[in-house]
Amino acid sequence: MPRPSKPPTDTQIRRAKPPKLLVDGKGLALRVKETSAGVTKTWVFNYYKPHSKKRTNIGLGAYPEVKLSHARELREEYRGVLARNIDPKDYRLEQQTMALRALQNTFESIYREWIEVRSPDWLDSYKHRLTKAMELHVLPGIGNLPIDKITREHGRKIIQPLEDRKAGETVTKLCRWCNEVMEYAVDC
């Protein structure tokens, strides 16, 4: 039976000298090494892969950027992932991919894709009016926002100046086009 050890404190972690492995428990440890750049302190989570049952590590980040409390939160998150028979490395890669995809799915990128798909059915004059109006009024306001973060309030901020100028027809068209872009985003 393993000897119970006391989890390290923040003070012990700050004072740790290489080479050392400070074990926090439940798979979490701080690896202290001497490198050419100086002393590095890296959090690692040691676990068994769900299907192959091989022992492996996943890095959680460097101390002090990743504090002890955050490393413990990550450990618990990954232990929960392991309980569902998912490898934490695969889980983290999927989370990073989803976050990157969300950042790349801006209103403007979806709008450009929508234009490519829909424009073959349009007259050139209609396409020109649509693109000019959208690029003048809508894209400066919400073009860089991720599509899933756009709210009605964003739409109101874009439309309000046009309503104040009594540009009712433009407001109607912009609302319709924005709704079509959003519906296209949901469909895709």
N, C-alpha and C. Protein backbone atom coordinates (compact mmCIF):
# COMPACT_ATOMS: atom_id res chain seq x y z
N MET A 1 0.84 -1.18 0.00
CA MET A 1 0.00 0.00 0.00
C MET A 1 0.88 1.24 0.00
N PRO A 2 0.57 2.24 -0.86
CA PRO A 2 1.43 3.43 -0.91
C PRO A 2 1.36 4.22 0.39
N ARG A 3 2.48 4.81 0.70
CA ARG A 3 2.57 5.62 1.91
C ARG A 3 1.82 6.93 1.67
N PRO A 4 0.88 7.29 2.56
CA PRO A 4 0.16 8.54 2.36
C PRO A 4 1.10 9.72 2.48
N SER A 5 0.96 10.65 1.59
CA SER A 5 1.82 11.84 1.63
C SER A 5 0.94 13.07 1.75
N LYS A 6 1.51 14.08 2.30
CA LYS A 6 0.80 15.33 2.48
C LYS A 6 0.93 16.15 1.19
N PRO A 7 -0.20 16.67 0.67
CA PRO A 7 -0.11 17.48 -0.54
C PRO A 7 0.78 18.70 -0.32
N PRO A 8 1.51 19.11 -1.36
CA PRO A 8 2.40 20.26 -1.19
C PRO A 8 1.62 21.56 -1.03
N THR A 9 2.22 22.49 -0.35
CA THR A 9 1.64 23.82 -0.20
C THR A 9 2.25 24.73 -1.26
N ASP A 10 1.67 25.90 -1.42
CA ASP A 10 2.18 26.85 -2.40
C ASP A 10 3.61 27.28 -2.04
N THR A 11 3.88 27.41 -0.76
CA THR A 11 5.23 27.79 -0.31
C THR A 11 6.25 26.71 -0.67
N GLN A 12 5.91 25.45 -0.46
CA GLN A 12 6.80 24.35 -0.81
C GLN A 12 7.05 24.32 -2.32
N ILE A 13 6.01 24.62 -3.07
CA ILE A 13 6.15 24.61 -4.52
C ILE A 13 7.09 25.73 -4.97
N ARG A 14 6.92 26.92 -4.39
CA ARG A 14 7.78 28.05 -4.76
C ARG A 14 9.24 27.78 -4.42
N ARG A 15 9.50 27.09 -3.31
CA ARG A 15 10.87 26.85 -2.84
C ARG A 15 11.50 25.59 -3.40
N ALA A 16 10.77 24.81 -4.15
CA ALA A 16 11.27 23.52 -4.65
C ALA A 16 12.49 23.71 -5.55
N LYS A 17 13.51 22.89 -5.32
CA LYS A 17 14.74 22.93 -6.11
C LYS A 17 14.83 21.64 -6.94
N PRO A 18 15.44 21.73 -8.12
CA PRO A 18 15.53 20.55 -8.98
C PRO A 18 16.61 19.58 -8.50
N PRO A 19 16.57 18.36 -8.90
CA PRO A 19 15.46 17.63 -9.52
C PRO A 19 14.50 17.17 -8.43
N LYS A 20 13.24 17.33 -8.68
CA LYS A 20 12.25 16.97 -7.67
C LYS A 20 10.91 16.69 -8.34
N LEU A 21 10.13 15.83 -7.71
CA LEU A 21 8.78 15.55 -8.13
C LEU A 21 7.90 15.70 -6.90
N LEU A 22 7.11 16.77 -6.87
CA LEU A 22 6.19 17.00 -5.76
C LEU A 22 4.84 16.38 -6.11
N VAL A 23 4.45 15.35 -5.37
CA VAL A 23 3.22 14.64 -5.65
C VAL A 23 2.08 15.23 -4.84
N ASP A 24 1.01 15.63 -5.55
CA ASP A 24 -0.17 16.19 -4.88
C ASP A 24 -1.19 15.11 -4.58
N GLY A 25 -1.20 14.05 -5.37
CA GLY A 25 -2.14 12.95 -5.17
C GLY A 25 -3.13 12.85 -6.31
N LYS A 26 -3.73 11.66 -6.43
CA LYS A 26 -4.72 11.36 -7.46
C LYS A 26 -4.19 11.62 -8.87
N GLY A 27 -2.89 11.42 -9.06
CA GLY A 27 -2.28 11.55 -10.38
C GLY A 27 -1.62 12.89 -10.67
N LEU A 28 -1.82 13.88 -9.82
CA LEU A 28 -1.25 15.21 -10.06
C LEU A 28 0.11 15.33 -9.40
N ALA A 29 1.07 15.88 -10.14
CA ALA A 29 2.40 16.10 -9.60
C ALA A 29 3.03 17.33 -10.26
N LEU A 30 3.99 17.90 -9.56
CA LEU A 30 4.76 19.03 -10.10
C LEU A 30 6.17 18.53 -10.35
N ARG A 31 6.60 18.59 -11.61
CA ARG A 31 7.94 18.14 -11.98
C ARG A 31 8.86 19.36 -12.02
N VAL A 32 9.89 19.35 -11.18
CA VAL A 32 10.85 20.45 -11.10
C VAL A 32 12.14 19.99 -11.76
N LYS A 33 12.56 20.70 -12.82
CA LYS A 33 13.74 20.31 -13.59
C LYS A 33 14.67 21.50 -13.79
N GLU A 34 15.93 21.17 -14.00
CA GLU A 34 16.93 22.16 -14.38
C GLU A 34 17.10 22.07 -15.89
N THR A 35 16.91 23.18 -16.60
CA THR A 35 17.10 23.21 -18.04
C THR A 35 18.09 24.31 -18.39
N SER A 36 18.40 24.42 -19.66
CA SER A 36 19.32 25.46 -20.10
C SER A 36 18.73 26.85 -19.87
N ALA A 37 17.38 26.93 -19.83
CA ALA A 37 16.71 28.21 -19.61
C ALA A 37 16.55 28.52 -18.12
N GLY A 38 16.93 27.58 -17.27
CA GLY A 38 16.78 27.76 -15.83
C GLY A 38 15.93 26.65 -15.24
N VAL A 39 15.35 26.92 -14.09
CA VAL A 39 14.51 25.93 -13.42
C VAL A 39 13.09 26.01 -13.98
N THR A 40 12.54 24.86 -14.37
CA THR A 40 11.17 24.81 -14.84
C THR A 40 10.35 23.96 -13.88
N LYS A 41 9.12 24.40 -13.65
CA LYS A 41 8.20 23.67 -12.79
C LYS A 41 6.94 23.43 -13.62
N THR A 42 6.67 22.16 -13.90
CA THR A 42 5.58 21.80 -14.79
C THR A 42 4.62 20.85 -14.11
N TRP A 43 3.33 21.15 -14.22
CA TRP A 43 2.29 20.28 -13.70
C TRP A 43 2.05 19.14 -14.67
N VAL A 44 1.96 17.91 -14.15
CA VAL A 44 1.62 16.75 -14.97
C VAL A 44 0.53 15.95 -14.28
N PHE A 45 -0.31 15.36 -15.10
CA PHE A 45 -1.35 14.47 -14.61
C PHE A 45 -1.05 13.09 -15.17
N ASN A 46 -0.81 12.12 -14.28
CA ASN A 46 -0.45 10.77 -14.65
C ASN A 46 -1.69 9.90 -14.54
N TYR A 47 -1.95 9.12 -15.60
CA TYR A 47 -3.17 8.31 -15.62
C TYR A 47 -2.98 7.09 -16.51
N TYR A 48 -3.93 6.16 -16.43
CA TYR A 48 -3.97 5.00 -17.32
C TYR A 48 -4.91 5.32 -18.48
N LYS A 49 -4.45 5.05 -19.71
CA LYS A 49 -5.31 5.26 -20.87
C LYS A 49 -6.52 4.34 -20.76
N PRO A 50 -7.70 4.86 -21.11
CA PRO A 50 -8.92 4.07 -20.89
C PRO A 50 -8.96 2.71 -21.59
N HIS A 51 -8.47 2.59 -22.81
CA HIS A 51 -8.64 1.35 -23.56
C HIS A 51 -7.41 0.46 -23.54
N SER A 52 -6.23 1.05 -23.58
CA SER A 52 -5.01 0.24 -23.60
C SER A 52 -4.47 -0.01 -22.20
N LYS A 53 -4.93 0.73 -21.22
CA LYS A 53 -4.49 0.62 -19.82
C LYS A 53 -2.99 0.88 -19.66
N LYS A 54 -2.41 1.63 -20.58
CA LYS A 54 -1.01 2.02 -20.47
C LYS A 54 -0.91 3.31 -19.69
N ARG A 55 0.14 3.44 -18.91
CA ARG A 55 0.37 4.62 -18.09
C ARG A 55 0.90 5.74 -18.99
N THR A 56 0.38 6.95 -18.80
CA THR A 56 0.85 8.10 -19.58
C THR A 56 0.64 9.39 -18.78
N ASN A 57 1.23 10.46 -19.28
CA ASN A 57 1.13 11.78 -18.64
C ASN A 57 0.51 12.77 -19.61
N ILE A 58 -0.10 13.78 -19.03
CA ILE A 58 -0.55 14.93 -19.82
C ILE A 58 -0.08 16.17 -19.06
N GLY A 59 0.54 17.10 -19.78
CA GLY A 59 1.00 18.33 -19.16
C GLY A 59 -0.16 19.28 -18.92
N LEU A 60 -0.15 19.92 -17.76
CA LEU A 60 -1.22 20.85 -17.42
C LEU A 60 -0.77 22.31 -17.46
N GLY A 61 0.51 22.53 -17.68
CA GLY A 61 1.02 23.89 -17.75
C GLY A 61 2.14 24.10 -16.76
N ALA A 62 2.75 25.26 -16.84
CA ALA A 62 3.89 25.59 -16.00
C ALA A 62 3.46 26.40 -14.79
N TYR A 63 4.14 26.14 -13.68
CA TYR A 63 3.95 26.95 -12.49
C TYR A 63 4.84 28.17 -12.65
N PRO A 64 4.48 29.37 -12.34
CA PRO A 64 3.33 29.87 -11.60
C PRO A 64 2.14 30.28 -12.48
N GLU A 65 2.26 30.13 -13.82
CA GLU A 65 1.13 30.50 -14.68
C GLU A 65 -0.11 29.68 -14.32
N VAL A 66 0.10 28.40 -14.07
CA VAL A 66 -0.99 27.52 -13.63
C VAL A 66 -0.80 27.31 -12.13
N LYS A 67 -1.66 27.92 -11.35
CA LYS A 67 -1.58 27.84 -9.90
C LYS A 67 -1.98 26.45 -9.42
N LEU A 68 -1.66 26.15 -8.17
CA LEU A 68 -1.98 24.87 -7.56
C LEU A 68 -3.48 24.59 -7.61
N SER A 69 -4.29 25.57 -7.29
CA SER A 69 -5.75 25.37 -7.29
C SER A 69 -6.27 25.05 -8.69
N HIS A 70 -5.72 25.72 -9.71
CA HIS A 70 -6.16 25.47 -11.08
C HIS A 70 -5.71 24.08 -11.54
N ALA A 71 -4.50 23.69 -11.16
CA ALA A 71 -4.01 22.36 -11.52
C ALA A 71 -4.90 21.28 -10.89
N ARG A 72 -5.35 21.52 -9.66
CA ARG A 72 -6.25 20.56 -9.01
C ARG A 72 -7.60 20.51 -9.71
N GLU A 73 -8.10 21.66 -10.17
CA GLU A 73 -9.36 21.68 -10.92
C GLU A 73 -9.23 20.88 -12.22
N LEU A 74 -8.10 21.07 -12.92
CA LEU A 74 -7.87 20.32 -14.16
C LEU A 74 -7.78 18.82 -13.88
N ARG A 75 -7.11 18.46 -12.79
CA ARG A 75 -7.01 17.05 -12.41
C ARG A 75 -8.39 16.46 -12.23
N GLU A 76 -9.26 17.16 -11.50
CA GLU A 76 -10.62 16.64 -11.25
C GLU A 76 -11.42 16.56 -12.55
N GLU A 77 -11.25 17.55 -13.41
CA GLU A 77 -11.94 17.52 -14.70
C GLU A 77 -11.50 16.30 -15.51
N TYR A 78 -10.18 16.05 -15.56
CA TYR A 78 -9.67 14.92 -16.32
C TYR A 78 -10.03 13.58 -15.68
N ARG A 79 -10.12 13.53 -14.36
CA ARG A 79 -10.57 12.30 -13.70
C ARG A 79 -12.03 12.01 -14.08
N GLY A 80 -12.84 13.06 -14.19
CA GLY A 80 -14.22 12.88 -14.63
C GLY A 80 -14.29 12.39 -16.07
N VAL A 81 -13.40 12.91 -16.91
CA VAL A 81 -13.34 12.48 -18.30
C VAL A 81 -12.93 11.01 -18.37
N LEU A 82 -11.96 10.62 -17.55
CA LEU A 82 -11.53 9.22 -17.52
C LEU A 82 -12.65 8.30 -17.05
N ALA A 83 -13.49 8.78 -16.15
CA ALA A 83 -14.61 7.97 -15.66
C ALA A 83 -15.59 7.66 -16.80
N ARG A 84 -15.61 8.50 -17.83
CA ARG A 84 -16.46 8.27 -19.01
C ARG A 84 -15.71 7.52 -20.11
N ASN A 85 -14.53 6.96 -19.78
CA ASN A 85 -13.68 6.21 -20.72
C ASN A 85 -13.21 7.04 -21.91
N ILE A 86 -12.86 8.29 -21.64
CA ILE A 86 -12.33 9.18 -22.67
C ILE A 86 -10.91 9.57 -22.25
N ASP A 87 -9.98 9.49 -23.19
CA ASP A 87 -8.60 9.87 -22.92
C ASP A 87 -8.53 11.39 -22.75
N PRO A 88 -7.95 11.89 -21.66
CA PRO A 88 -7.86 13.34 -21.46
C PRO A 88 -7.15 14.09 -22.58
N LYS A 89 -6.17 13.45 -23.22
CA LYS A 89 -5.49 14.11 -24.34
C LYS A 89 -6.45 14.32 -25.51
N ASP A 90 -7.26 13.30 -25.80
CA ASP A 90 -8.26 13.44 -26.87
C ASP A 90 -9.29 14.49 -26.50
N TYR A 91 -9.70 14.49 -25.25
CA TYR A 91 -10.69 15.45 -24.75
C TYR A 91 -10.17 16.88 -24.91
N ARG A 92 -8.91 17.11 -24.49
CA ARG A 92 -8.34 18.45 -24.58
C ARG A 92 -8.21 18.90 -26.04
N LEU A 93 -7.80 17.99 -26.92
CA LEU A 93 -7.68 18.32 -28.33
C LEU A 93 -9.04 18.69 -28.92
N GLU A 94 -10.07 17.95 -28.54
CA GLU A 94 -11.42 18.25 -29.02
C GLU A 94 -11.89 19.61 -28.52
N GLN A 95 -11.60 19.92 -27.25
CA GLN A 95 -11.98 21.22 -26.69
C GLN A 95 -11.27 22.37 -27.42
N GLN A 96 -10.00 22.20 -27.70
CA GLN A 96 -9.23 23.23 -28.40
C GLN A 96 -9.75 23.39 -29.83
N THR A 97 -10.09 22.30 -30.50
CA THR A 97 -10.62 22.36 -31.85
C THR A 97 -11.95 23.08 -31.88
N MET A 98 -12.81 22.77 -30.91
CA MET A 98 -14.11 23.44 -30.85
C MET A 98 -13.96 24.94 -30.58
N ALA A 99 -13.02 25.31 -29.70
CA ALA A 99 -12.80 26.72 -29.41
C ALA A 99 -12.27 27.45 -30.64
N LEU A 100 -11.35 26.81 -31.36
CA LEU A 100 -10.79 27.42 -32.57
C LEU A 100 -11.87 27.56 -33.64
N ARG A 101 -12.70 26.54 -33.79
CA ARG A 101 -13.78 26.59 -34.77
C ARG A 101 -14.76 27.71 -34.43
N ALA A 102 -15.05 27.87 -33.14
CA ALA A 102 -15.97 28.93 -32.72
C ALA A 102 -15.40 30.31 -33.04
N LEU A 103 -14.08 30.47 -32.86
CA LEU A 103 -13.46 31.76 -33.17
C LEU A 103 -13.43 32.02 -34.68
N GLN A 104 -13.30 30.98 -35.47
CA GLN A 104 -13.24 31.14 -36.91
C GLN A 104 -14.63 31.34 -37.52
N ASN A 105 -15.66 30.92 -36.83
CA ASN A 105 -17.02 31.07 -37.34
C ASN A 105 -17.58 32.44 -36.96
N THR A 106 -16.98 33.46 -37.50
CA THR A 106 -17.47 34.81 -37.27
C THR A 106 -18.62 35.10 -38.20
N PHE A 107 -19.36 36.14 -37.89
CA PHE A 107 -20.48 36.54 -38.75
C PHE A 107 -19.98 36.79 -40.17
N GLU A 108 -18.84 37.48 -40.28
CA GLU A 108 -18.33 37.81 -41.61
C GLU A 108 -17.97 36.56 -42.41
N SER A 109 -17.33 35.58 -41.79
CA SER A 109 -16.95 34.37 -42.53
C SER A 109 -18.19 33.60 -42.98
N ILE A 110 -19.21 33.52 -42.12
CA ILE A 110 -20.45 32.85 -42.50
C ILE A 110 -21.17 33.65 -43.60
N TYR A 111 -21.14 34.97 -43.46
CA TYR A 111 -21.76 35.85 -44.48
C TYR A 111 -21.10 35.62 -45.84
N ARG A 112 -19.77 35.57 -45.89
CA ARG A 112 -19.05 35.37 -47.16
C ARG A 112 -19.41 34.01 -47.77
N GLU A 113 -19.50 32.99 -46.92
CA GLU A 113 -19.88 31.66 -47.38
C GLU A 113 -21.32 31.67 -47.93
N TRP A 114 -22.20 32.36 -47.22
CA TRP A 114 -23.60 32.48 -47.64
C TRP A 114 -23.69 33.17 -49.00
N ILE A 115 -22.90 34.21 -49.20
CA ILE A 115 -22.88 34.93 -50.48
C ILE A 115 -22.47 33.96 -51.60
N GLU A 116 -21.41 33.17 -51.37
CA GLU A 116 -20.94 32.24 -52.40
C GLU A 116 -22.01 31.23 -52.78
N VAL A 117 -22.71 30.75 -51.78
CA VAL A 117 -23.73 29.73 -52.04
C VAL A 117 -24.95 30.33 -52.73
N ARG A 118 -25.39 31.49 -52.30
CA ARG A 118 -26.65 32.07 -52.78
C ARG A 118 -26.51 32.94 -54.03
N SER A 119 -25.36 33.57 -54.23
CA SER A 119 -25.23 34.57 -55.29
C SER A 119 -25.44 34.06 -56.72
N PRO A 120 -25.21 32.80 -57.06
CA PRO A 120 -25.48 32.39 -58.45
C PRO A 120 -26.94 32.60 -58.87
N ASP A 121 -27.84 32.65 -57.90
CA ASP A 121 -29.27 32.84 -58.21
C ASP A 121 -29.65 34.32 -58.34
N TRP A 122 -28.74 35.22 -58.01
CA TRP A 122 -29.07 36.64 -57.96
C TRP A 122 -28.64 37.39 -59.22
N LEU A 123 -29.31 38.50 -59.45
CA LEU A 123 -28.84 39.44 -60.48
C LEU A 123 -27.64 40.18 -59.92
N ASP A 124 -26.76 40.64 -60.81
CA ASP A 124 -25.57 41.36 -60.36
C ASP A 124 -25.94 42.63 -59.60
N SER A 125 -26.97 43.32 -60.02
CA SER A 125 -27.37 44.57 -59.35
C SER A 125 -27.84 44.27 -57.91
N TYR A 126 -28.57 43.18 -57.74
CA TYR A 126 -29.05 42.80 -56.40
C TYR A 126 -27.87 42.44 -55.50
N LYS A 127 -26.95 41.65 -56.03
CA LYS A 127 -25.77 41.25 -55.25
C LYS A 127 -24.96 42.49 -54.85
N HIS A 128 -24.82 43.43 -55.77
CA HIS A 128 -24.06 44.64 -55.49
C HIS A 128 -24.72 45.45 -54.36
N ARG A 129 -26.06 45.64 -54.43
CA ARG A 129 -26.77 46.39 -53.38
C ARG A 129 -26.65 45.68 -52.03
N LEU A 130 -26.82 44.36 -52.04
CA LEU A 130 -26.75 43.59 -50.80
C LEU A 130 -25.37 43.70 -50.17
N THR A 131 -24.33 43.44 -50.95
CA THR A 131 -22.98 43.46 -50.39
C THR A 131 -22.60 44.86 -49.91
N LYS A 132 -22.98 45.88 -50.65
CA LYS A 132 -22.66 47.26 -50.22
C LYS A 132 -23.34 47.58 -48.89
N ALA A 133 -24.62 47.26 -48.80
CA ALA A 133 -25.37 47.57 -47.57
C ALA A 133 -24.83 46.78 -46.38
N MET A 134 -24.57 45.50 -46.58
CA MET A 134 -24.04 44.67 -45.48
C MET A 134 -22.65 45.13 -45.06
N GLU A 135 -21.79 45.44 -46.01
CA GLU A 135 -20.43 45.86 -45.68
C GLU A 135 -20.41 47.26 -45.06
N LEU A 136 -21.37 48.08 -45.40
CA LEU A 136 -21.42 49.43 -44.84
C LEU A 136 -22.04 49.46 -43.44
N HIS A 137 -23.11 48.71 -43.23
CA HIS A 137 -23.86 48.83 -41.98
C HIS A 137 -23.67 47.67 -41.00
N VAL A 138 -23.54 46.45 -41.48
CA VAL A 138 -23.56 45.29 -40.59
C VAL A 138 -22.16 44.81 -40.22
N LEU A 139 -21.31 44.57 -41.20
CA LEU A 139 -20.00 43.98 -40.93
C LEU A 139 -19.11 44.80 -39.99
N PRO A 140 -19.12 46.14 -40.06
CA PRO A 140 -18.31 46.87 -39.09
C PRO A 140 -18.75 46.64 -37.64
N GLY A 141 -20.02 46.38 -37.43
CA GLY A 141 -20.54 46.20 -36.08
C GLY A 141 -20.39 44.80 -35.53
N ILE A 142 -20.70 43.78 -36.35
CA ILE A 142 -20.69 42.41 -35.84
C ILE A 142 -19.87 41.45 -36.69
N GLY A 143 -19.18 41.92 -37.67
CA GLY A 143 -18.41 41.05 -38.56
C GLY A 143 -17.39 40.18 -37.87
N ASN A 144 -16.73 40.69 -36.84
CA ASN A 144 -15.68 39.93 -36.17
C ASN A 144 -16.18 39.10 -34.99
N LEU A 145 -17.47 39.18 -34.69
CA LEU A 145 -18.01 38.41 -33.56
C LEU A 145 -18.26 36.96 -33.96
N PRO A 146 -17.97 36.01 -33.04
CA PRO A 146 -18.35 34.62 -33.31
C PRO A 146 -19.86 34.54 -33.49
N ILE A 147 -20.29 33.75 -34.42
CA ILE A 147 -21.70 33.70 -34.79
C ILE A 147 -22.58 33.30 -33.61
N ASP A 148 -22.07 32.45 -32.72
CA ASP A 148 -22.88 32.01 -31.59
C ASP A 148 -22.92 33.01 -30.44
N LYS A 149 -22.20 34.10 -30.56
CA LYS A 149 -22.20 35.14 -29.51
C LYS A 149 -23.05 36.36 -29.89
N ILE A 150 -23.61 36.35 -31.07
CA ILE A 150 -24.39 37.48 -31.54
C ILE A 150 -25.78 37.43 -30.90
N THR A 151 -26.19 38.57 -30.34
CA THR A 151 -27.49 38.65 -29.68
C THR A 151 -28.37 39.67 -30.39
N ARG A 152 -29.61 39.75 -29.96
CA ARG A 152 -30.53 40.75 -30.53
C ARG A 152 -30.04 42.16 -30.25
N GLU A 153 -29.38 42.33 -29.12
CA GLU A 153 -28.85 43.65 -28.76
C GLU A 153 -27.84 44.12 -29.80
N HIS A 154 -27.02 43.21 -30.31
CA HIS A 154 -26.07 43.58 -31.37
C HIS A 154 -26.84 44.07 -32.61
N GLY A 155 -27.91 43.36 -32.95
CA GLY A 155 -28.72 43.76 -34.09
C GLY A 155 -29.35 45.13 -33.89
N ARG A 156 -29.83 45.39 -32.68
CA ARG A 156 -30.44 46.70 -32.39
C ARG A 156 -29.43 47.83 -32.54
N LYS A 157 -28.20 47.60 -32.11
CA LYS A 157 -27.17 48.64 -32.22
C LYS A 157 -26.86 48.98 -33.67
N ILE A 158 -26.98 47.99 -34.54
CA ILE A 158 -26.72 48.23 -35.96
C ILE A 158 -27.90 48.95 -36.61
N ILE A 159 -29.10 48.54 -36.27
CA ILE A 159 -30.32 49.04 -36.91
C ILE A 159 -30.74 50.42 -36.41
N GLN A 160 -30.48 50.71 -35.14
CA GLN A 160 -30.96 51.95 -34.52
C GLN A 160 -30.56 53.21 -35.29
N PRO A 161 -29.29 53.37 -35.70
CA PRO A 161 -28.95 54.59 -36.45
C PRO A 161 -29.72 54.72 -37.77
N LEU A 162 -30.01 53.59 -38.39
CA LEU A 162 -30.78 53.63 -39.64
C LEU A 162 -32.23 54.00 -39.38
N GLU A 163 -32.79 53.51 -38.29
CA GLU A 163 -34.16 53.87 -37.94
C GLU A 163 -34.26 55.36 -37.59
N ASP A 164 -33.22 55.87 -36.92
CA ASP A 164 -33.21 57.29 -36.58
C ASP A 164 -33.20 58.17 -37.84
N ARG A 165 -32.58 57.66 -38.91
CA ARG A 165 -32.54 58.39 -40.19
C ARG A 165 -33.77 58.12 -41.04
N LYS A 166 -34.70 57.33 -40.52
CA LYS A 166 -35.95 56.98 -41.23
C LYS A 166 -35.67 56.20 -42.52
N ALA A 167 -34.67 55.30 -42.46
CA ALA A 167 -34.34 54.46 -43.62
C ALA A 167 -35.02 53.10 -43.45
N GLY A 168 -36.34 53.11 -43.47
CA GLY A 168 -37.14 51.92 -43.19
C GLY A 168 -36.91 50.77 -44.15
N GLU A 169 -36.79 51.07 -45.45
CA GLU A 169 -36.60 50.01 -46.43
C GLU A 169 -35.24 49.33 -46.23
N THR A 170 -34.21 50.11 -45.95
CA THR A 170 -32.88 49.55 -45.70
C THR A 170 -32.90 48.68 -44.45
N VAL A 171 -33.58 49.15 -43.41
CA VAL A 171 -33.69 48.38 -42.17
C VAL A 171 -34.33 47.03 -42.44
N THR A 172 -35.42 47.03 -43.19
CA THR A 172 -36.14 45.80 -43.51
C THR A 172 -35.25 44.81 -44.26
N LYS A 173 -34.55 45.33 -45.26
CA LYS A 173 -33.68 44.46 -46.05
C LYS A 173 -32.52 43.92 -45.23
N LEU A 174 -31.89 44.78 -44.44
CA LEU A 174 -30.76 44.32 -43.62
C LEU A 174 -31.21 43.26 -42.61
N CYS A 175 -32.37 43.48 -42.00
CA CYS A 175 -32.89 42.48 -41.05
C CYS A 175 -33.12 41.15 -41.75
N ARG A 176 -33.68 41.19 -42.92
CA ARG A 176 -33.96 39.96 -43.67
C ARG A 176 -32.66 39.25 -44.05
N TRP A 177 -31.68 40.01 -44.55
CA TRP A 177 -30.41 39.41 -44.95
C TRP A 177 -29.66 38.84 -43.75
N CYS A 178 -29.66 39.58 -42.64
CA CYS A 178 -28.99 39.08 -41.43
C CYS A 178 -29.67 37.79 -40.94
N ASN A 179 -31.00 37.77 -40.98
CA ASN A 179 -31.72 36.56 -40.59
C ASN A 179 -31.37 35.38 -41.50
N GLU A 180 -31.23 35.64 -42.78
CA GLU A 180 -30.86 34.57 -43.71
C GLU A 180 -29.46 34.05 -43.42
N VAL A 181 -28.53 34.95 -43.10
CA VAL A 181 -27.17 34.54 -42.76
C VAL A 181 -27.19 33.68 -41.49
N MET A 182 -27.96 34.11 -40.50
CA MET A 182 -28.04 33.36 -39.25
C MET A 182 -28.69 31.99 -39.47
N GLU A 183 -29.73 31.93 -40.28
CA GLU A 183 -30.37 30.64 -40.59
C GLU A 183 -29.41 29.73 -41.34
N TYR A 184 -28.62 30.32 -42.24
CA TYR A 184 -27.61 29.54 -42.96
C TYR A 184 -26.57 28.98 -41.98
N ALA A 185 -26.19 29.79 -41.00
CA ALA A 185 -25.21 29.33 -40.00
C ALA A 185 -25.78 28.16 -39.20
N VAL A 186 -27.04 28.25 -38.82
CA VAL A 186 -27.66 27.15 -38.07
C VAL A 186 -27.74 25.90 -38.94
N ASP A 187 -28.10 26.06 -40.20
CA ASP A 187 -28.22 24.92 -41.10
C ASP A 187 -26.87 24.23 -41.34
N CYS A 188 -25.82 25.02 -41.35
CA CYS A 188 -24.49 24.45 -41.63
C CYS A 188 -23.81 23.99 -40.36
